[in-house]
Amino acid sequence: MNTISKSQIKRDALVKATIYLVNNHGFHAAPMSKIAKLANVSAGTIYLYFENKQDLVNRVYIEVKESFTKFAFKNYNEELSVKDGFENIWKNIAEFKLKEIDEAMFLTQCDNTPIVDEPSRKEGLKHLQPLLHLWERGQKEGIIKPVSPYLLYAYSIYPIAFLMNMQQREVCSLTSANIDEAFEMAWNSIKK
C-alpha cells in the first residue's frame, strides 16, 4: 500500500494554498503567513520546503508546468503529421485548461506577470520542447508560417486561456463541437 507521508501532505497543502492565493488575490497579496494559514501549517513549516516566497512560487510554477506538459503530450507521437500532432497537443492543452482550472489559471498568472524568475521560466519552457520541435518541423516542411514560436503560441495556444476564462465566468459553455471549431481556427492561424 502506497502511503503519503505527513511531510508530503504538508508540502502538497502549501502548493495548493499558493495556487489558490495567487489565483484569487495575486502574488503580492499572498504573504507566507496567509499561505501557511490556508495550508493549516505553522509559518515556519514553509521554510522546511522552500527558501522564501520567490522559491515557493518558482517551484510551484515548475511543478505545475511539468504536470501541464505531461498532460499536453500524452499520446503524442513524433511520427504523426504536423497537423495531426498539433491537433493532439492542442486538444490535450484545451482539456487540461478546461478541467484543471486552478493549475491552468496559475500558469496564466505566471505567464502574464513577473512573479516567476527568468531561470524558472526557462526551465518551464524546456517542457514545451516537443511542441517547439513540431513547429520547427512544420516550418521546414513549409506547412507552418515562418514566424517566431512566440507568435505561433500567441495565435494558436494562448486563446485557449481566453476560452477557459469565458467558461469560468459562464459566458459560454464549450462543447466538443466548439473545441473542434476552435482547433481549426488555431490551425488556420499558423498554417502557411
Protein backbone atom coordinates (compact mmCIF):
# COMPACT_ATOMS: atom_id res chain seq x y z
CA MET A 1 0.00 0.00 0.00
CA ASN A 2 1.39 3.38 -1.03
CA THR A 3 1.04 5.88 1.77
CA ILE A 4 1.79 9.56 1.54
CA SER A 5 4.00 10.88 4.31
CA LYS A 6 2.88 13.70 6.59
CA SER A 7 5.71 15.74 5.13
CA GLN A 8 4.36 15.28 1.60
CA ILE A 9 0.83 16.12 2.75
CA LYS A 10 2.08 19.39 4.26
CA ARG A 11 4.07 20.26 1.15
CA ASP A 12 1.09 19.49 -1.09
CA ALA A 13 -1.12 21.68 1.11
CA LEU A 14 1.39 24.54 0.74
CA VAL A 15 1.39 24.13 -3.05
CA LYS A 16 -2.42 24.16 -3.21
CA ALA A 17 -2.64 27.17 -0.88
CA THR A 18 -0.10 29.05 -3.02
CA ILE A 19 -2.03 28.33 -6.21
CA TYR A 20 -5.32 29.37 -4.60
CA LEU A 21 -3.99 32.63 -3.13
CA VAL A 22 -2.09 33.68 -6.25
CA ASN A 23 -5.13 32.94 -8.42
CA ASN A 24 -7.59 34.75 -6.18
CA HIS A 25 -5.56 37.56 -4.66
CA GLY A 26 -2.40 37.92 -6.75
CA PHE A 27 1.22 37.31 -5.86
CA HIS A 28 1.68 40.38 -3.66
CA ALA A 29 -1.47 39.68 -1.64
CA ALA A 30 -0.30 36.15 -0.83
CA PRO A 31 2.17 36.53 2.04
CA MET A 32 3.82 33.45 3.51
CA SER A 33 1.70 33.80 6.67
CA LYS A 34 -1.54 33.53 4.63
CA ILE A 35 -0.17 30.60 2.65
CA ALA A 36 0.74 28.79 5.87
CA LYS A 37 -2.63 29.54 7.47
CA LEU A 38 -4.57 28.31 4.44
CA ALA A 39 -2.39 25.19 4.28
CA ASN A 40 -3.05 24.66 8.00
CA VAL A 41 0.64 24.55 8.89
CA SER A 42 2.84 26.79 11.00
CA ALA A 43 4.55 29.64 9.18
CA GLY A 44 7.95 28.13 9.94
CA THR A 45 6.98 24.88 8.23
CA ILE A 46 7.14 26.57 4.82
CA TYR A 47 10.86 27.08 5.28
CA LEU A 48 11.41 23.34 5.64
CA TYR A 49 10.41 23.01 1.99
CA PHE A 50 11.12 26.40 0.40
CA GLU A 51 13.81 29.04 0.91
CA ASN A 52 11.45 32.01 0.60
CA LYS A 53 8.32 33.14 -1.22
CA GLN A 54 10.10 33.51 -4.56
CA ASP A 55 11.47 29.96 -4.28
CA LEU A 56 7.99 28.70 -3.38
CA VAL A 57 6.34 30.34 -6.38
CA ASN A 58 9.15 29.32 -8.76
CA ARG A 59 9.00 25.70 -7.67
CA VAL A 60 5.21 25.56 -7.75
CA TYR A 61 5.34 27.04 -11.26
CA ILE A 62 7.83 24.40 -12.45
CA GLU A 63 5.79 21.58 -10.87
CA VAL A 64 2.54 22.79 -12.41
CA LYS A 65 4.28 23.32 -15.77
CA GLU A 66 5.60 19.74 -15.61
CA SER A 67 2.12 18.42 -14.87
CA PHE A 68 0.67 20.56 -17.67
CA THR A 69 3.19 19.41 -20.26
CA LYS A 70 2.92 15.76 -19.24
CA PHE A 71 -0.82 16.08 -19.94
CA ALA A 72 -0.26 18.12 -23.12
CA PHE A 73 1.95 15.49 -24.71
CA LYS A 74 0.05 12.36 -23.70
CA ASN A 75 -0.50 10.10 -26.72
CA TYR A 76 1.73 12.38 -28.80
CA ASN A 77 3.86 10.62 -31.38
CA GLU A 78 6.53 12.40 -33.43
CA GLU A 79 5.58 10.21 -36.39
CA LEU A 80 2.21 11.96 -36.74
CA SER A 81 1.76 14.52 -39.48
CA VAL A 82 2.37 18.10 -38.39
CA LYS A 83 -1.37 18.87 -38.34
CA ASP A 84 -2.32 15.65 -36.52
CA GLY A 85 0.49 16.12 -34.00
CA PHE A 86 -0.55 19.71 -33.38
CA GLU A 87 -4.19 18.68 -33.03
CA ASN A 88 -3.24 16.05 -30.45
CA ILE A 89 -1.21 18.54 -28.41
CA TRP A 90 -3.70 21.41 -28.82
CA LYS A 91 -6.69 19.35 -27.72
CA ASN A 92 -4.76 17.98 -24.74
CA ILE A 93 -3.88 21.54 -23.73
CA ALA A 94 -7.52 22.57 -24.10
CA GLU A 95 -8.64 19.61 -21.99
CA PHE A 96 -6.11 20.46 -19.28
CA LYS A 97 -7.09 24.14 -19.19
CA LEU A 98 -10.79 23.33 -19.05
CA LYS A 99 -10.50 20.57 -16.42
CA GLU A 100 -7.52 21.59 -14.28
CA ILE A 101 -8.72 25.14 -13.89
CA ASP A 102 -6.76 26.14 -10.78
CA GLU A 103 -3.46 24.97 -12.23
CA ALA A 104 -4.24 26.49 -15.63
CA MET A 105 -5.14 29.84 -14.05
CA PHE A 106 -1.94 29.75 -12.01
CA LEU A 107 0.14 29.21 -15.17
CA THR A 108 -1.69 32.09 -16.86
CA GLN A 109 -0.97 34.33 -13.85
CA CYS A 110 2.70 33.34 -14.02
CA ASP A 111 2.88 33.90 -17.78
CA ASN A 112 1.27 37.34 -17.57
CA THR A 113 3.12 38.81 -14.59
CA PRO A 114 6.75 38.90 -13.48
CA ILE A 115 6.13 36.70 -10.42
CA VAL A 116 8.33 33.85 -11.70
CA ASP A 117 12.05 34.49 -12.13
CA GLU A 118 13.73 34.09 -15.51
CA PRO A 119 15.62 30.84 -14.75
CA SER A 120 12.34 29.21 -13.69
CA ARG A 121 10.60 30.47 -16.84
CA LYS A 122 13.37 28.94 -18.95
CA GLU A 123 13.04 25.69 -17.02
CA GLY A 124 9.30 25.73 -17.70
CA LEU A 125 9.91 26.42 -21.38
CA LYS A 126 12.05 23.28 -21.67
CA HIS A 127 8.93 21.25 -21.06
CA LEU A 128 7.36 22.60 -24.27
CA GLN A 129 10.16 21.30 -26.50
CA PRO A 130 8.06 18.67 -28.31
CA LEU A 131 5.67 21.42 -29.46
CA LEU A 132 8.54 23.69 -30.49
CA HIS A 133 10.15 20.81 -32.41
CA LEU A 134 6.84 20.07 -34.14
CA TRP A 135 6.53 23.69 -35.21
CA GLU A 136 10.15 23.69 -36.44
CA ARG A 137 9.46 20.57 -38.47
CA GLY A 138 6.28 22.17 -39.86
CA GLN A 139 8.26 25.26 -40.87
CA LYS A 140 10.93 23.15 -42.57
CA GLU A 141 8.21 21.25 -44.45
CA GLY A 142 6.59 24.54 -45.48
CA ILE A 143 3.38 23.78 -43.59
CA ILE A 144 3.67 26.32 -40.76
CA LYS A 145 4.26 30.05 -41.16
CA PRO A 146 7.92 31.02 -40.77
CA VAL A 147 7.41 33.21 -37.68
CA SER A 148 8.74 33.05 -34.14
CA PRO A 149 7.40 30.39 -31.77
CA TYR A 150 6.08 33.24 -29.60
CA LEU A 151 3.77 34.35 -32.40
CA LEU A 152 2.72 30.76 -33.06
CA TYR A 153 1.93 30.32 -29.37
CA ALA A 154 0.13 33.65 -29.11
CA TYR A 155 -2.20 32.91 -32.00
CA SER A 156 -2.79 29.19 -31.54
CA ILE A 157 -2.35 28.19 -27.89
CA TYR A 158 -2.93 31.33 -25.86
CA PRO A 159 -6.57 31.75 -26.98
CA ILE A 160 -7.38 28.58 -25.02
CA ALA A 161 -6.82 30.61 -21.81
CA PHE A 162 -9.40 33.13 -23.01
CA LEU A 163 -11.90 30.34 -23.67
CA MET A 164 -11.17 28.89 -20.22
CA ASN A 165 -11.88 32.28 -18.64
CA MET A 166 -15.15 32.68 -20.57
CA GLN A 167 -16.30 29.24 -19.49
CA GLN A 168 -15.31 30.02 -15.87
CA ARG A 169 -17.38 33.19 -15.99
CA GLU A 170 -20.23 31.16 -17.51
CA VAL A 171 -20.31 33.41 -20.57
CA CYS A 172 -20.04 30.39 -22.85
CA SER A 173 -20.05 26.65 -22.45
CA LEU A 174 -17.55 24.76 -24.55
CA THR A 175 -18.81 21.66 -26.28
CA SER A 176 -16.74 19.19 -28.25
CA ALA A 177 -18.02 20.90 -31.42
CA ASN A 178 -16.75 24.28 -30.11
CA ILE A 179 -13.40 22.70 -29.29
CA ASP A 180 -13.15 21.29 -32.82
CA GLU A 181 -14.00 24.71 -34.29
CA ALA A 182 -11.50 26.43 -32.01
CA PHE A 183 -8.81 23.95 -33.05
CA GLU A 184 -9.48 24.61 -36.74
CA MET A 185 -9.21 28.34 -36.11
CA ALA A 186 -5.93 27.83 -34.21
CA TRP A 187 -4.56 25.64 -37.00
CA ASN A 188 -5.63 28.15 -39.68
CA SER A 189 -3.84 30.92 -37.79
CA ILE A 190 -0.45 29.20 -38.02
CA LYS A 191 -0.59 27.09 -41.19
CA LYS A 192 1.03 28.52 -44.28
